[in-house]
Amino acid sequence: MDGEARVTLTAGQLVVVPAGRKHGFANSGTTVLRIQSTLAEPVFEAAYDDKRETPRRWLPG
């Protein structure tokens, strides 16, 4: 997917996001959203479009 592509997933589906690609998610349904992710790198950094959110970085523990 290139540019500003949006995808709607249903239960049991998955999407692969290439390393370094900006991405996000939102719950468009009425039930609880559960996300499972597998990270290829030991360091994970999160930044947000909403500048009120604090950027976060997770390192192996």
C-alpha atoms as a PDB file:
ATOM      1  CA  MET A   1       0.000   0.000   0.000  1.00  0.00           C
ATOM      2  CA  ASP A   2       1.300   3.421  -0.886  1.00  0.00           C
ATOM      3  CA  GLY A   3       0.508   6.910   0.322  1.00  0.00           C
ATOM      4  CA  GLU A   4      -2.541   7.389   2.494  1.00  0.00           C
ATOM      5  CA  ALA A   5      -4.105   3.952   2.018  1.00  0.00           C
ATOM      6  CA  ARG A   6      -6.687   2.818   4.574  1.00  0.00           C
ATOM      7  CA  VAL A   7      -7.742  -0.749   5.168  1.00  0.00           C
ATOM      8  CA  THR A   8     -10.654  -2.105   7.175  1.00  0.00           C
ATOM      9  CA  LEU A   9      -9.951  -5.472   8.761  1.00  0.00           C
ATOM     10  CA  THR A  10     -12.359  -7.912  10.333  1.00  0.00           C
ATOM     11  CA  ALA A  11     -11.759 -10.488  13.056  1.00  0.00           C
ATOM     12  CA  GLY A  12      -8.955 -12.888  12.172  1.00  0.00           C
ATOM     13  CA  GLN A  13      -7.443 -10.763   9.406  1.00  0.00           C
ATOM     14  CA  LEU A  14      -3.957  -9.293   9.456  1.00  0.00           C
ATOM     15  CA  VAL A  15      -1.906  -6.623   7.778  1.00  0.00           C
ATOM     16  CA  VAL A  16       1.866  -6.411   7.395  1.00  0.00           C
ATOM     17  CA  VAL A  17       3.314  -2.929   7.780  1.00  0.00           C
ATOM     18  CA  PRO A  18       6.839  -2.486   6.389  1.00  0.00           C
ATOM     19  CA  ALA A  19       9.515  -1.223   8.795  1.00  0.00           C
ATOM     20  CA  GLY A  20       9.646   2.543   9.060  1.00  0.00           C
ATOM     21  CA  ARG A  21       6.179   3.046   7.546  1.00  0.00           C
ATOM     22  CA  LYS A  22       3.892   5.436   9.403  1.00  0.00           C
ATOM     23  CA  HIS A  23       0.747   3.619  10.482  1.00  0.00           C
ATOM     24  CA  GLY A  24      -2.035   3.657  13.026  1.00  0.00           C
ATOM     25  CA  PHE A  25      -5.335   2.093  13.918  1.00  0.00           C
ATOM     26  CA  ALA A  26      -8.794   2.945  15.207  1.00  0.00           C
ATOM     27  CA  ASN A  27     -11.754   0.906  16.341  1.00  0.00           C
ATOM     28  CA  SER A  28     -14.625   1.449  13.902  1.00  0.00           C
ATOM     29  CA  GLY A  29     -16.802  -1.185  15.558  1.00  0.00           C
ATOM     30  CA  THR A  30     -18.828  -1.439  18.730  1.00  0.00           C
ATOM     31  CA  THR A  31     -16.901  -4.267  20.422  1.00  0.00           C
ATOM     32  CA  VAL A  32     -13.496  -4.261  22.108  1.00  0.00           C
ATOM     33  CA  LEU A  33     -10.551  -3.835  19.712  1.00  0.00           C
ATOM     34  CA  ARG A  34      -7.725  -6.293  20.371  1.00  0.00           C
ATOM     35  CA  ILE A  35      -4.414  -5.971  18.566  1.00  0.00           C
ATOM     36  CA  GLN A  36      -1.616  -8.514  18.450  1.00  0.00           C
ATOM     37  CA  SER A  37       1.698  -7.488  16.950  1.00  0.00           C
ATOM     38  CA  THR A  38       5.029  -9.074  16.198  1.00  0.00           C
ATOM     39  CA  LEU A  39       7.999  -6.741  16.014  1.00  0.00           C
ATOM     40  CA  ALA A  40      11.042  -7.605  13.925  1.00  0.00           C
ATOM     41  CA  GLU A  41      13.376  -5.312  15.869  1.00  0.00           C
ATOM     42  CA  PRO A  42      14.199  -5.266  19.601  1.00  0.00           C
ATOM     43  CA  VAL A  43      13.478  -1.516  19.842  1.00  0.00           C
ATOM     44  CA  PHE A  44      10.004  -0.088  19.285  1.00  0.00           C
ATOM     45  CA  GLU A  45       9.313   3.636  19.004  1.00  0.00           C
ATOM     46  CA  ALA A  46       5.875   5.237  18.926  1.00  0.00           C
ATOM     47  CA  ALA A  47       5.193   8.798  17.824  1.00  0.00           C
ATOM     48  CA  TYR A  48       1.811  10.434  17.441  1.00  0.00           C
ATOM     49  CA  ASP A  49       0.225  12.985  15.112  1.00  0.00           C
ATOM     50  CA  ASP A  50      -1.420  14.477  18.209  1.00  0.00           C
ATOM     51  CA  LYS A  51       1.473  16.483  19.697  1.00  0.00           C
ATOM     52  CA  ARG A  52      -0.164  16.277  23.142  1.00  0.00           C
ATOM     53  CA  GLU A  53       0.804  12.584  23.243  1.00  0.00           C
ATOM     54  CA  THR A  54       4.261  11.758  24.577  1.00  0.00           C
ATOM     55  CA  PRO A  55       6.501   9.786  22.181  1.00  0.00           C
ATOM     56  CA  ARG A  56       7.379   6.401  23.648  1.00  0.00           C
ATOM     57  CA  ARG A  57      10.268   3.998  23.201  1.00  0.00           C
ATOM     58  CA  TRP A  58      10.393   0.384  24.358  1.00  0.00           C
ATOM     59  CA  LEU A  59      13.654  -1.497  24.747  1.00  0.00           C
ATOM     60  CA  PRO A  60      14.203  -5.217  25.415  1.00  0.00           C
ATOM     61  CA  GLY A  61      13.695  -5.898  29.037  1.00  0.00           C
END
